[in-house]
Amino acid sequence: MEKYLNAFIEGFTSTLEWTIDSILFKVPWYTNYFWGLIAISLVVWLLEIAFPWRKNQSIFRKDFWLDAFYMFFNFFIFAIFISGFYNVLGILFAEFGITQKSFALIDISSFPTWSQLIIFFIIIDFVQWFTHVLLHRYEFLWRFHKVHHSVKEMGFAAHLRYHWMENILYKPLKTFGVMILGGFEPEQAYIVHFIAIAIGHLNHSNIKITWGPLKYIFNNPVMHLYHHAKVLPEGRNYGINFGISLSIWDYIFKTDYVPEDSGTIELGFPGEDTFPRTFFGQLFYGFGK
């Protein structure tokens, strides 16, 4: 029991120290996720202000500050609290003989750096796409995912407005994605991290971008806005456009849908009138009926 407690404390304190060091600029700039998140957010927000898609939408749109708080809560505050549990899980897996190489399908450690990053990016994105589909497909998961779909006006910070339970769902599956690679994570994985944040911010922003022919590869704000549509097309009861960074999975599995690009559709979900609108109201939403 003592080793589990020590593992929990070690995970908690190390993540807390890393977060504090990041805030105090004691972490190299290229791996400083705290200030990196702020920098990317400011750039995309300025682009929203300079080139607004929905021109009647306020700069400080509906729930702007709620979404801004969610960004830091999900990325840092909750990560500190949950990190101890992941340390304990690591020990339990080891005791059952489950290692990082248990599910290895490919070893990319000897590949060129650029190819390592691309393969890592593609596999992690597919895992996230698949997880996203599950969040819509199963009612007990959808109840948590409603927090993200309660956004009524889209903006960059809506990217990280999601229920804390999604951290618990996504993290193990992303870890499984790394295990497919033999437990190998590229040394420059921070590049993939920042690219994913930037794409996610843009996809939720009030900017009209489609990427031209690249729209069949990369997700974009027009495509993702329809993912948040309150009224879904006939026969698509569980949702559309599930792409995270890449749109290619939706085109491959026929879950794509972009009928027009006016940006004027209503966002939300049926029954949202009874959904809590505050952070504390949403904090424990999804448990029970």
Protein backbone atom coordinates (compact mmCIF):
# COMPACT_ATOMS: atom_id res chain seq x y z
CA MET A 1 0.00 0.00 0.00
CA GLU A 2 2.85 2.35 0.83
CA LYS A 3 4.36 2.11 -2.65
CA TYR A 4 1.02 3.09 -4.22
CA LEU A 5 0.73 6.07 -1.89
CA ASN A 6 4.30 7.12 -2.69
CA ALA A 7 3.64 6.76 -6.40
CA PHE A 8 0.52 8.92 -6.08
CA ILE A 9 2.37 11.63 -4.17
CA GLU A 10 5.30 11.53 -6.59
CA GLY A 11 3.02 11.94 -9.61
CA PHE A 12 1.07 14.75 -7.99
CA THR A 13 4.09 16.73 -6.78
CA SER A 14 6.13 16.31 -9.98
CA THR A 15 3.26 17.61 -12.14
CA LEU A 16 2.63 20.46 -9.72
CA GLU A 17 6.31 21.42 -9.75
CA TRP A 18 6.45 21.21 -13.54
CA THR A 19 3.40 23.48 -13.84
CA ILE A 20 4.86 26.05 -11.44
CA ASP A 21 8.23 25.92 -13.24
CA SER A 22 6.41 26.48 -16.55
CA ILE A 23 4.63 29.55 -15.19
CA LEU A 24 7.95 30.92 -13.88
CA PHE A 25 9.72 30.31 -17.24
CA LYS A 26 11.96 27.62 -15.73
CA VAL A 27 10.95 25.20 -18.48
CA PRO A 28 12.48 25.54 -22.00
CA TRP A 29 10.21 27.66 -24.19
CA TYR A 30 9.70 24.89 -26.74
CA THR A 31 8.24 22.55 -24.10
CA ASN A 32 6.50 25.22 -22.03
CA TYR A 33 2.89 24.17 -22.55
CA PHE A 34 1.52 26.82 -20.18
CA TRP A 35 2.80 29.88 -22.02
CA GLY A 36 2.56 28.04 -25.33
CA LEU A 37 -1.19 27.65 -24.79
CA ILE A 38 -1.50 31.34 -23.94
CA ALA A 39 0.53 32.40 -27.00
CA ILE A 40 -1.49 30.24 -29.42
CA SER A 41 -4.76 31.44 -27.83
CA LEU A 42 -3.81 35.10 -28.21
CA VAL A 43 -2.77 34.66 -31.85
CA VAL A 44 -6.01 32.87 -32.82
CA TRP A 45 -8.12 35.35 -30.83
CA LEU A 46 -6.47 38.28 -32.64
CA LEU A 47 -7.20 36.55 -35.95
CA GLU A 48 -10.85 36.21 -34.86
CA ILE A 49 -10.97 39.93 -34.11
CA ALA A 50 -9.26 40.90 -37.38
CA PHE A 51 -11.09 38.45 -39.69
CA PRO A 52 -14.42 37.50 -38.04
CA TRP A 53 -16.54 34.94 -39.89
CA ARG A 54 -19.73 35.78 -37.98
CA LYS A 55 -19.40 39.56 -37.89
CA ASN A 56 -22.29 40.06 -35.47
CA GLN A 57 -20.60 37.89 -32.83
CA SER A 58 -19.06 39.83 -29.96
CA ILE A 59 -15.31 39.72 -29.32
CA PHE A 60 -16.19 38.55 -25.82
CA ARG A 61 -18.77 36.09 -27.05
CA LYS A 62 -21.24 34.19 -24.91
CA ASP A 63 -19.40 32.09 -22.27
CA PHE A 64 -15.99 33.48 -23.32
CA TRP A 65 -14.66 33.54 -19.76
CA LEU A 66 -16.17 30.17 -18.88
CA ASP A 67 -14.34 28.61 -21.81
CA ALA A 68 -11.12 30.42 -20.90
CA PHE A 69 -11.31 28.92 -17.40
CA TYR A 70 -11.96 25.46 -18.85
CA MET A 71 -8.72 25.77 -20.87
CA PHE A 72 -6.59 26.08 -17.77
CA PHE A 73 -8.68 23.74 -15.64
CA ASN A 74 -8.51 20.82 -18.09
CA PHE A 75 -4.93 21.32 -19.21
CA PHE A 76 -3.29 22.10 -15.89
CA ILE A 77 -5.42 22.08 -12.71
CA PHE A 78 -7.11 18.74 -13.33
CA ALA A 79 -3.89 17.29 -14.77
CA ILE A 80 -2.18 17.95 -11.44
CA PHE A 81 -4.86 16.11 -9.49
CA ILE A 82 -5.10 13.12 -11.83
CA SER A 83 -1.36 12.60 -12.39
CA GLY A 84 -0.96 10.68 -9.12
CA PHE A 85 -3.57 8.14 -10.20
CA TYR A 86 -1.80 7.54 -13.50
CA ASN A 87 1.41 6.82 -11.63
CA VAL A 88 -0.40 4.19 -9.55
CA LEU A 89 -1.93 2.67 -12.69
CA GLY A 90 1.55 2.38 -14.17
CA ILE A 91 2.65 0.27 -11.21
CA LEU A 92 -0.47 -1.91 -11.39
CA PHE A 93 0.04 -2.56 -15.10
CA ALA A 94 3.66 -3.53 -14.48
CA GLU A 95 2.57 -5.99 -11.78
CA PHE A 96 0.20 -7.65 -14.26
CA GLY A 97 2.98 -7.87 -16.84
CA ILE A 98 1.60 -5.10 -19.06
CA THR A 99 4.46 -2.98 -20.37
CA GLN A 100 4.77 -0.23 -22.96
CA LYS A 101 5.76 -2.86 -25.51
CA SER A 102 2.85 -5.23 -24.80
CA PHE A 103 0.78 -4.00 -27.75
CA ALA A 104 3.61 -2.90 -30.02
CA LEU A 105 2.77 -3.14 -33.73
CA ILE A 106 5.59 -1.02 -35.07
CA ASP A 107 8.92 0.32 -33.81
CA ILE A 108 9.61 3.79 -35.19
CA SER A 109 12.58 4.60 -32.96
CA SER A 110 15.02 4.12 -35.86
CA PHE A 111 12.99 6.15 -38.35
CA PRO A 112 13.99 9.68 -39.39
CA THR A 113 12.75 12.33 -36.96
CA TRP A 114 10.29 13.85 -39.43
CA SER A 115 8.65 10.47 -40.11
CA GLN A 116 8.47 9.67 -36.38
CA LEU A 117 6.52 12.87 -35.81
CA ILE A 118 4.15 12.26 -38.72
CA ILE A 119 3.40 8.65 -37.71
CA PHE A 120 2.98 9.67 -34.06
CA PHE A 121 0.62 12.49 -35.09
CA ILE A 122 -1.50 10.26 -37.35
CA ILE A 123 -1.88 7.39 -34.86
CA ILE A 124 -2.71 9.65 -31.90
CA ASP A 125 -5.20 11.61 -34.01
CA PHE A 126 -6.97 8.43 -35.14
CA VAL A 127 -7.21 7.22 -31.54
CA GLN A 128 -8.76 10.57 -30.58
CA TRP A 129 -11.16 10.43 -33.55
CA PHE A 130 -12.28 6.94 -32.52
CA THR A 131 -12.71 8.06 -28.89
CA HIS A 132 -14.74 11.04 -30.08
CA VAL A 133 -17.06 8.73 -32.00
CA LEU A 134 -17.58 6.67 -28.83
CA LEU A 135 -18.47 9.82 -26.89
CA HIS A 136 -21.35 10.40 -29.30
CA ARG A 137 -22.35 6.79 -29.83
CA TYR A 138 -22.96 5.73 -26.21
CA GLU A 139 -25.41 7.57 -23.99
CA PHE A 140 -23.41 7.26 -20.76
CA LEU A 141 -20.42 8.89 -22.51
CA TRP A 142 -22.54 11.43 -24.37
CA ARG A 143 -23.81 12.78 -21.05
CA PHE A 144 -20.26 13.98 -20.27
CA HIS A 145 -19.60 15.17 -23.81
CA LYS A 146 -22.66 17.43 -23.66
CA VAL A 147 -20.49 19.95 -21.80
CA HIS A 148 -18.49 20.53 -24.97
CA HIS A 149 -21.63 20.72 -27.10
CA SER A 150 -23.30 23.22 -24.78
CA VAL A 151 -21.34 25.98 -26.56
CA LYS A 152 -23.79 28.38 -28.20
CA GLU A 153 -21.32 30.77 -29.83
CA MET A 154 -18.13 29.30 -31.25
CA GLY A 155 -14.71 30.71 -30.45
CA PHE A 156 -11.15 29.45 -30.00
CA ALA A 157 -11.46 28.73 -26.26
CA ALA A 158 -14.41 26.38 -26.88
CA HIS A 159 -11.75 23.92 -28.02
CA LEU A 160 -10.90 22.98 -24.43
CA ARG A 161 -14.34 23.29 -22.88
CA TYR A 162 -15.08 19.71 -21.96
CA HIS A 163 -16.02 17.62 -18.94
CA TRP A 164 -13.10 16.43 -16.81
CA MET A 165 -14.22 12.83 -17.36
CA GLU A 166 -13.06 13.17 -20.96
CA ASN A 167 -9.50 13.49 -19.65
CA ILE A 168 -9.95 10.11 -18.00
CA LEU A 169 -11.34 8.61 -21.21
CA TYR A 170 -8.86 10.12 -23.67
CA LYS A 171 -5.65 9.69 -21.69
CA PRO A 172 -5.62 5.86 -21.46
CA LEU A 173 -6.54 5.50 -25.14
CA LYS A 174 -3.81 7.96 -26.16
CA THR A 175 -1.42 5.93 -24.01
CA PHE A 176 -2.56 2.84 -25.90
CA GLY A 177 -1.72 4.69 -29.12
CA VAL A 178 1.82 5.21 -27.83
CA MET A 179 1.99 1.52 -26.84
CA ILE A 180 1.18 0.58 -30.45
CA LEU A 181 4.45 2.32 -31.29
CA GLY A 182 6.27 0.13 -28.79
CA GLY A 183 5.99 2.76 -26.10
CA PHE A 184 8.11 5.13 -28.18
CA GLU A 185 7.28 8.83 -28.13
CA PRO A 186 9.42 11.10 -30.34
CA GLU A 187 11.75 13.43 -28.48
CA GLN A 188 10.19 16.31 -30.41
CA ALA A 189 6.61 15.25 -29.59
CA TYR A 190 6.04 18.77 -28.23
CA ILE A 191 5.84 19.87 -31.90
CA VAL A 192 2.83 17.58 -32.42
CA HIS A 193 1.32 18.87 -29.17
CA PHE A 194 1.50 22.52 -30.24
CA ILE A 195 0.29 21.78 -33.77
CA ALA A 196 -2.72 19.92 -32.34
CA ILE A 197 -3.56 22.85 -30.04
CA ALA A 198 -3.27 25.33 -32.90
CA ILE A 199 -5.49 23.26 -35.22
CA GLY A 200 -8.03 22.68 -32.43
CA HIS A 201 -8.17 26.41 -31.61
CA LEU A 202 -8.63 27.29 -35.29
CA ASN A 203 -11.34 24.66 -35.74
CA HIS A 204 -13.38 26.26 -32.98
CA SER A 205 -12.59 29.84 -33.94
CA ASN A 206 -14.77 32.51 -35.51
CA ILE A 207 -12.64 32.42 -38.67
CA LYS A 208 -13.71 31.03 -42.02
CA ILE A 209 -11.01 28.61 -43.18
CA THR A 210 -11.45 25.56 -45.41
CA TRP A 211 -7.82 24.87 -46.51
CA GLY A 212 -8.92 24.36 -50.15
CA PRO A 213 -8.08 20.82 -51.41
CA LEU A 214 -6.38 20.12 -48.07
CA LYS A 215 -9.82 20.09 -46.42
CA TYR A 216 -9.87 16.35 -47.16
CA ILE A 217 -6.88 15.95 -44.87
CA PHE A 218 -7.09 18.67 -42.23
CA ASN A 219 -10.11 19.58 -40.15
CA ASN A 220 -11.32 23.19 -40.42
CA PRO A 221 -13.73 25.67 -38.75
CA VAL A 222 -16.45 25.26 -41.39
CA MET A 223 -16.46 21.48 -41.08
CA HIS A 224 -16.27 21.49 -37.31
CA LEU A 225 -19.05 24.06 -36.89
CA TYR A 226 -21.43 21.49 -38.36
CA HIS A 227 -20.21 18.99 -35.78
CA HIS A 228 -21.75 21.34 -33.19
CA ALA A 229 -25.03 21.81 -35.10
CA LYS A 230 -28.11 21.51 -32.91
CA VAL A 231 -30.11 19.89 -35.71
CA LEU A 232 -28.34 16.90 -37.25
CA PRO A 233 -29.02 15.68 -40.80
CA GLU A 234 -31.45 12.81 -41.24
CA GLY A 235 -29.91 9.43 -40.54
CA ARG A 236 -26.95 10.92 -38.63
CA ASN A 237 -28.39 10.64 -35.14
CA TYR A 238 -25.06 10.20 -33.40
CA GLY A 239 -23.26 13.09 -35.05
CA ILE A 240 -21.07 14.12 -37.96
CA ASN A 241 -17.55 15.46 -38.61
CA PHE A 242 -15.78 13.83 -35.66
CA GLY A 243 -12.29 14.86 -36.80
CA ILE A 244 -9.89 16.31 -34.24
CA SER A 245 -6.90 17.56 -36.25
CA LEU A 246 -7.45 15.46 -39.38
CA SER A 247 -10.64 15.29 -41.41
CA ILE A 248 -9.51 12.31 -43.47
CA TRP A 249 -11.07 9.81 -41.04
CA ASP A 250 -14.51 11.33 -41.59
CA TYR A 251 -14.13 11.08 -45.36
CA ILE A 252 -12.86 7.50 -45.10
CA PHE A 253 -15.64 6.33 -42.78
CA LYS A 254 -18.37 8.46 -44.38
CA THR A 255 -19.11 10.61 -41.34
CA ASP A 256 -18.46 13.90 -43.19
CA TYR A 257 -21.18 16.50 -43.80
CA VAL A 258 -20.74 20.13 -44.93
CA PRO A 259 -23.79 21.31 -46.92
CA GLU A 260 -22.92 25.05 -46.87
CA ASP A 261 -20.55 27.54 -45.23
CA SER A 262 -22.58 30.53 -44.03
CA GLY A 263 -21.70 29.89 -40.39
CA THR A 264 -25.23 30.80 -39.29
CA ILE A 265 -26.47 27.45 -38.02
CA GLU A 266 -27.73 27.07 -34.43
CA LEU A 267 -25.37 25.25 -32.09
CA GLY A 268 -26.17 22.98 -29.15
CA PHE A 269 -28.25 19.85 -28.69
CA PRO A 270 -31.91 18.92 -28.10
CA GLY A 271 -32.93 19.34 -24.47
CA GLU A 272 -30.20 21.89 -23.69
CA ASP A 273 -32.70 24.15 -21.91
CA THR A 274 -32.30 22.10 -18.74
CA PHE A 275 -28.51 21.82 -19.02
CA PRO A 276 -26.50 23.68 -16.33
CA ARG A 277 -24.77 26.81 -17.64
CA THR A 278 -22.10 27.30 -14.97
CA PHE A 279 -18.81 25.48 -14.40
CA PHE A 280 -19.86 24.11 -11.01
CA GLY A 281 -23.21 23.06 -12.43
CA GLN A 282 -21.40 21.10 -15.15
CA LEU A 283 -18.65 19.73 -12.88
CA PHE A 284 -20.58 16.63 -11.80
CA TYR A 285 -23.07 16.53 -14.65
CA GLY A 286 -23.35 13.13 -16.29
CA PHE A 287 -23.33 11.01 -13.14
CA GLY A 288 -26.77 9.50 -12.75
CA LYS A 289 -29.90 10.60 -14.53
